[in-house]
Amino acid sequence: MTWVGRLVRWCPVSAVSVELAKFDTQKLQNPEISGVEYQRGTFFGYEVREYLLEKWGRRCAYCGRSDVPLQVEHIVPKSRGGTDRVSNLTLACEGCNQAKGNMTAAEFGYPHIQAQAKEPLRGAAAVNATRWALFDRLKRLGLPIEVGTGGQTKYNRCRLDLPKTHWIDAACVGESTPAGLRIGLKRVLVSKARGHGRRRRANVDRFGFPVGHAPRRKSYMGFRTGDLVKAVVPRGKYVGVHVGRIAVRFRPSFKLNGFDVHPKYLTVLQRDDGYECEYRAAHSPSQ
């Protein structure tokens, strides 16, 4: 909500699209609620696959490998009366899928797979319920809100033939995603939550005994630990301009990028707000 509030203040935001769930648990259990088009369409396939990836830990249910392409596999083959319900589906690598052939999971030597597949969606439902708390907070902004799922986001991204990055996923949330999307960004702003320190009263040595104590004050000479600063050092070993976050000591010698610097050489660029921000190339896959 912190960043939503900032974007609303700084940008002309007219609507909000939010991914509230990785998959639609109700539609997975009862696909007929959206009609035949949803049941048999490509979109439903993305919802099912996203659910299976989450349920089976993104690895083959039989050999446990996660570094290979995974295929949706029927625990009880359709040729022997198996259905397409998610309770009869799992993930398998190509080798295990071919080796299993027309056998059931129990006949293949994995009787526990069937029981695990039929476990209720309690975990997924709990996560989805938690995300609705975010939805309630967003409603207070007074803007139109669109809700989507992770499966829908993946479907939109693949339909537009876009690479997998977090910021591109944000542009593909919900049904409002246009038929064509032109992205001309060269860099993106990446924000990482750092927090505001720790609550423990002292550090400990390698034996677990307390070393030092937490200071009563948080600021010194107008600076706080975590502030982003620019240091212009006129002389000495570290002469030059340095930018980074400082660690405040309660004496005129702060730590910056591994060396000590006097506060008189420092200029605050950004006060510590619990987030670490930086620009990265837009094509970087780590966003």
Protein backbone atom coordinates (compact mmCIF):
# COMPACT_ATOMS: atom_id res chain seq x y z
CA MET A 1 0.00 0.00 0.00
CA THR A 2 2.95 2.35 0.56
CA TRP A 3 3.93 2.30 -3.09
CA VAL A 4 0.33 2.42 -4.30
CA GLY A 5 -0.14 5.60 -2.29
CA ARG A 6 3.04 7.11 -3.73
CA LEU A 7 2.08 6.29 -7.31
CA VAL A 8 -1.39 7.78 -6.82
CA ARG A 9 0.20 10.99 -5.50
CA TRP A 10 2.85 11.28 -8.21
CA CYS A 11 1.07 9.93 -11.31
CA PRO A 12 -2.36 10.46 -12.94
CA VAL A 13 -3.65 7.01 -11.91
CA SER A 14 -7.23 6.41 -13.08
CA ALA A 15 -7.68 2.70 -12.23
CA VAL A 16 -5.98 -0.16 -10.41
CA SER A 17 -5.43 -3.74 -11.62
CA VAL A 18 -4.38 -6.20 -8.94
CA GLU A 19 -3.43 -9.88 -9.07
CA LEU A 20 -5.21 -11.25 -6.02
CA ALA A 21 -4.58 -14.97 -6.54
CA LYS A 22 -2.27 -17.28 -8.42
CA PHE A 23 -5.26 -19.21 -9.71
CA ASP A 24 -9.05 -19.26 -9.36
CA THR A 25 -9.74 -22.11 -6.93
CA GLN A 26 -13.51 -22.06 -7.50
CA LYS A 27 -13.22 -22.31 -11.28
CA LEU A 28 -10.66 -25.10 -10.95
CA GLN A 29 -13.10 -27.19 -8.92
CA ASN A 30 -16.20 -26.19 -10.92
CA PRO A 31 -15.10 -25.07 -14.40
CA GLU A 32 -18.67 -25.08 -15.68
CA ILE A 33 -19.43 -21.90 -13.74
CA SER A 34 -18.01 -19.86 -16.63
CA GLY A 35 -19.45 -21.91 -19.46
CA VAL A 36 -17.96 -24.09 -22.15
CA GLU A 37 -15.72 -21.33 -23.51
CA TYR A 38 -13.87 -21.13 -20.20
CA GLN A 39 -13.73 -24.89 -19.69
CA ARG A 40 -12.17 -25.72 -23.04
CA GLY A 41 -10.33 -22.46 -23.76
CA THR A 42 -6.63 -21.78 -23.57
CA PHE A 43 -7.15 -19.50 -20.57
CA PHE A 44 -8.43 -22.35 -18.42
CA GLY A 45 -5.34 -24.37 -19.31
CA TYR A 46 -3.14 -21.62 -17.87
CA GLU A 47 -5.14 -21.59 -14.63
CA VAL A 48 -4.80 -25.37 -14.26
CA ARG A 49 -1.07 -25.38 -14.98
CA GLU A 50 -0.41 -22.53 -12.53
CA TYR A 51 -2.33 -24.45 -9.87
CA LEU A 52 -0.38 -27.67 -10.54
CA LEU A 53 2.97 -25.86 -10.43
CA GLU A 54 2.07 -24.48 -7.02
CA LYS A 55 0.64 -27.73 -5.64
CA TRP A 56 3.51 -29.98 -6.74
CA GLY A 57 6.32 -27.57 -5.92
CA ARG A 58 7.30 -26.94 -9.56
CA ARG A 59 8.95 -30.35 -9.83
CA CYS A 60 8.17 -33.80 -11.23
CA ALA A 61 5.82 -35.64 -8.86
CA TYR A 62 7.62 -38.93 -9.53
CA CYS A 63 11.38 -38.32 -9.73
CA GLY A 64 11.43 -34.90 -8.06
CA ARG A 65 13.42 -33.13 -10.78
CA SER A 66 12.81 -29.40 -11.19
CA ASP A 67 15.38 -28.51 -13.86
CA VAL A 68 13.48 -30.05 -16.77
CA PRO A 69 10.31 -29.13 -18.71
CA LEU A 70 7.22 -30.46 -16.94
CA GLN A 71 4.12 -31.95 -18.55
CA VAL A 72 0.57 -32.14 -17.21
CA GLU A 73 -0.05 -35.83 -16.56
CA HIS A 74 -3.14 -37.89 -15.65
CA ILE A 75 -2.72 -39.92 -12.47
CA VAL A 76 -5.36 -42.36 -13.73
CA PRO A 77 -5.06 -42.39 -17.54
CA LYS A 78 -8.10 -41.22 -19.51
CA SER A 79 -8.04 -44.52 -21.38
CA ARG A 80 -8.82 -46.22 -18.06
CA GLY A 81 -11.58 -43.88 -16.96
CA GLY A 82 -9.56 -40.97 -15.61
CA THR A 83 -10.97 -37.45 -15.83
CA ASP A 84 -9.53 -33.99 -16.49
CA ARG A 85 -10.36 -32.73 -12.99
CA VAL A 86 -7.44 -31.23 -11.10
CA SER A 87 -7.73 -34.02 -8.52
CA ASN A 88 -6.56 -36.42 -11.26
CA LEU A 89 -3.73 -34.26 -12.60
CA THR A 90 -0.10 -33.90 -11.64
CA LEU A 91 3.19 -32.80 -13.19
CA ALA A 92 5.78 -35.16 -14.65
CA CYS A 93 8.96 -34.86 -16.65
CA GLU A 94 8.94 -36.40 -20.11
CA GLY A 95 10.94 -39.43 -19.00
CA CYS A 96 8.59 -40.34 -16.15
CA ASN A 97 5.53 -39.61 -18.28
CA GLN A 98 6.75 -41.97 -21.00
CA ALA A 99 7.80 -44.65 -18.51
CA LYS A 100 4.43 -44.54 -16.71
CA GLY A 101 2.58 -44.99 -19.98
CA ASN A 102 -0.92 -46.42 -19.43
CA MET A 103 -0.38 -47.30 -15.77
CA THR A 104 -1.96 -45.55 -12.82
CA ALA A 105 0.30 -43.79 -10.33
CA ALA A 106 -0.19 -46.67 -7.87
CA GLU A 107 0.79 -49.26 -10.47
CA PHE A 108 3.81 -47.14 -11.36
CA GLY A 109 4.98 -47.41 -7.75
CA TYR A 110 3.69 -44.09 -6.36
CA PRO A 111 0.42 -44.85 -4.50
CA HIS A 112 0.73 -41.69 -2.38
CA ILE A 113 0.39 -39.44 -5.44
CA GLN A 114 -3.36 -40.07 -5.72
CA ALA A 115 -3.96 -39.22 -2.07
CA GLN A 116 -1.87 -36.06 -2.31
CA ALA A 117 -3.71 -34.94 -5.44
CA LYS A 118 -7.07 -35.20 -3.65
CA GLU A 119 -6.02 -33.06 -0.70
CA PRO A 120 -8.26 -29.99 -0.37
CA LEU A 121 -7.13 -26.55 -1.50
CA ARG A 122 -6.86 -25.21 2.05
CA GLY A 123 -3.43 -23.70 1.57
CA ALA A 124 -4.36 -21.98 -1.67
CA ALA A 125 -7.64 -20.76 -0.22
CA ALA A 126 -5.85 -19.32 2.81
CA VAL A 127 -3.39 -17.40 0.62
CA ASN A 128 -6.19 -16.14 -1.60
CA ALA A 129 -8.21 -15.04 1.43
CA THR A 130 -5.21 -13.09 2.75
CA ARG A 131 -4.91 -11.21 -0.52
CA TRP A 132 -8.50 -10.02 -0.24
CA ALA A 133 -7.39 -7.93 2.74
CA LEU A 134 -5.23 -6.00 0.25
CA PHE A 135 -8.27 -5.61 -2.00
CA ASP A 136 -10.25 -4.04 0.87
CA ARG A 137 -7.43 -1.55 1.47
CA LEU A 138 -7.27 -0.65 -2.22
CA LYS A 139 -11.01 0.05 -2.33
CA ARG A 140 -10.47 2.96 0.05
CA LEU A 141 -8.59 4.81 -2.71
CA GLY A 142 -11.89 5.40 -4.50
CA LEU A 143 -10.53 4.22 -7.88
CA PRO A 144 -11.98 1.52 -10.15
CA ILE A 145 -10.35 -1.81 -9.22
CA GLU A 146 -9.89 -4.78 -11.52
CA VAL A 147 -9.07 -8.22 -10.11
CA GLY A 148 -7.06 -10.89 -11.93
CA THR A 149 -5.27 -14.18 -11.26
CA GLY A 150 -1.72 -15.33 -11.89
CA GLY A 151 -2.96 -17.75 -14.52
CA GLN A 152 -4.70 -14.93 -16.36
CA THR A 153 -1.56 -12.78 -16.18
CA LYS A 154 0.55 -15.57 -17.65
CA TYR A 155 -2.02 -16.12 -20.41
CA ASN A 156 -1.97 -12.42 -21.34
CA ARG A 157 1.83 -12.29 -21.31
CA CYS A 158 2.19 -15.36 -23.53
CA ARG A 159 -0.55 -14.10 -25.86
CA LEU A 160 1.43 -10.88 -26.34
CA ASP A 161 4.72 -12.83 -26.66
CA LEU A 162 6.41 -10.85 -23.88
CA PRO A 163 9.30 -12.04 -21.68
CA LYS A 164 8.79 -13.04 -18.05
CA THR A 165 9.63 -10.13 -15.74
CA HIS A 166 7.77 -8.76 -12.74
CA TRP A 167 7.22 -5.33 -14.26
CA ILE A 168 5.88 -6.77 -17.52
CA ASP A 169 3.56 -9.03 -15.51
CA ALA A 170 2.17 -5.88 -13.90
CA ALA A 171 1.17 -4.63 -17.37
CA CYS A 172 -0.61 -7.92 -18.12
CA VAL A 173 -2.90 -8.17 -15.08
CA GLY A 174 -6.63 -8.59 -15.66
CA GLU A 175 -9.01 -8.49 -18.60
CA SER A 176 -8.15 -4.85 -19.37
CA THR A 177 -4.84 -5.95 -20.95
CA PRO A 178 -5.03 -4.64 -24.54
CA ALA A 179 -4.73 -6.77 -27.66
CA GLY A 180 -1.36 -5.16 -28.36
CA LEU A 181 1.19 -3.79 -25.91
CA ARG A 182 4.20 -1.74 -27.00
CA ILE A 183 6.91 -1.39 -24.36
CA GLY A 184 9.67 1.13 -25.03
CA LEU A 185 11.27 1.38 -21.59
CA LYS A 186 15.05 1.21 -21.32
CA ARG A 187 15.19 1.02 -17.54
CA VAL A 188 12.86 0.33 -14.62
CA LEU A 189 12.83 1.42 -10.99
CA VAL A 190 13.31 -1.58 -8.69
CA SER A 191 12.26 -1.20 -5.05
CA LYS A 192 13.24 -3.63 -2.29
CA ALA A 193 11.80 -3.51 1.24
CA ARG A 194 14.66 -3.22 3.76
CA GLY A 195 12.75 -2.42 6.92
CA HIS A 196 13.86 -0.06 9.66
CA GLY A 197 16.42 -2.16 11.48
CA ARG A 198 15.99 -4.86 14.10
CA ARG A 199 14.30 -4.95 17.48
CA ARG A 200 16.94 -6.93 19.35
CA ARG A 201 18.72 -4.99 22.07
CA ALA A 202 22.25 -6.22 21.36
CA ASN A 203 24.36 -8.08 18.85
CA VAL A 204 25.88 -11.40 19.85
CA ASP A 205 29.29 -12.96 19.32
CA ARG A 206 29.90 -16.42 17.87
CA PHE A 207 29.19 -17.97 21.28
CA GLY A 208 25.84 -16.21 21.64
CA PHE A 209 26.88 -13.71 24.31
CA PRO A 210 25.68 -10.09 23.92
CA VAL A 211 28.11 -7.58 22.45
CA GLY A 212 27.35 -3.88 22.74
CA HIS A 213 23.85 -2.49 23.11
CA ALA A 214 21.22 -0.73 21.05
CA PRO A 215 21.56 3.08 21.21
CA ARG A 216 18.78 5.16 22.70
CA ARG A 217 18.88 7.64 19.84
CA LYS A 218 18.46 6.86 16.15
CA SER A 219 19.95 10.01 14.63
CA TYR A 220 23.20 11.90 15.05
CA MET A 221 24.17 15.25 13.52
CA GLY A 222 21.07 15.09 11.30
CA PHE A 223 21.81 11.64 9.85
CA ARG A 224 20.28 8.20 10.44
CA THR A 225 21.54 4.75 9.56
CA GLY A 226 20.24 3.83 6.13
CA ASP A 227 20.16 7.35 4.69
CA LEU A 228 21.30 7.52 1.07
CA VAL A 229 24.07 10.11 0.89
CA LYS A 230 26.68 11.58 -1.42
CA ALA A 231 30.13 12.09 0.03
CA VAL A 232 32.59 14.52 -1.55
CA VAL A 233 35.93 13.64 0.06
CA PRO A 234 38.54 16.34 -0.77
CA ARG A 235 41.69 14.49 0.26
CA GLY A 236 43.09 11.28 1.64
CA LYS A 237 42.96 7.65 0.53
CA TYR A 238 39.29 7.85 -0.49
CA VAL A 239 39.36 11.21 -2.29
CA GLY A 240 36.49 11.61 -4.74
CA VAL A 241 32.70 11.34 -4.88
CA HIS A 242 30.98 8.35 -3.26
CA VAL A 243 27.27 7.46 -3.11
CA GLY A 244 25.75 4.90 -0.76
CA ARG A 245 23.91 4.25 2.50
CA ILE A 246 25.58 5.17 5.76
CA ALA A 247 25.85 3.44 9.10
CA VAL A 248 25.73 6.09 11.83
CA ARG A 249 28.11 6.01 14.76
CA PHE A 250 27.60 8.38 17.65
CA ARG A 251 30.80 10.21 16.88
CA PRO A 252 31.78 12.25 13.81
CA SER A 253 32.87 9.20 11.82
CA PHE A 254 30.24 7.34 9.81
CA LYS A 255 30.69 4.19 7.76
CA LEU A 256 30.07 4.48 4.02
CA ASN A 257 30.85 1.77 1.45
CA GLY A 258 33.36 0.13 3.78
CA PHE A 259 35.33 3.20 4.88
CA ASP A 260 34.97 5.97 7.47
CA VAL A 261 33.84 9.44 6.46
CA HIS A 262 33.24 12.66 8.39
CA PRO A 263 29.62 13.94 8.35
CA LYS A 264 30.74 17.35 7.07
CA TYR A 265 31.45 15.78 3.68
CA LEU A 266 27.96 14.24 3.37
CA THR A 267 24.83 15.42 1.59
CA VAL A 268 21.56 13.52 2.04
CA LEU A 269 20.07 12.29 -1.23
CA GLN A 270 17.19 10.34 0.30
CA ARG A 271 16.10 9.75 3.87
CA ASP A 272 15.79 6.12 4.91
CA ASP A 273 12.15 5.09 4.37
CA GLY A 274 12.54 1.33 4.63
CA TYR A 275 13.02 0.80 0.89
CA GLU A 276 16.08 0.45 -1.30
CA CYS A 277 15.54 1.73 -4.85
CA GLU A 278 17.70 1.53 -7.95
CA TYR A 279 17.34 1.72 -11.71
CA ARG A 280 18.04 -1.41 -13.75
CA ALA A 281 18.01 -2.22 -17.43
CA ALA A 282 14.48 -3.00 -18.58
CA HIS A 283 15.56 -6.22 -20.30
CA SER A 284 17.05 -7.68 -17.09
CA PRO A 285 15.27 -10.97 -16.23
CA SER A 286 15.62 -10.37 -12.49
CA GLN A 287 12.93 -7.69 -12.25
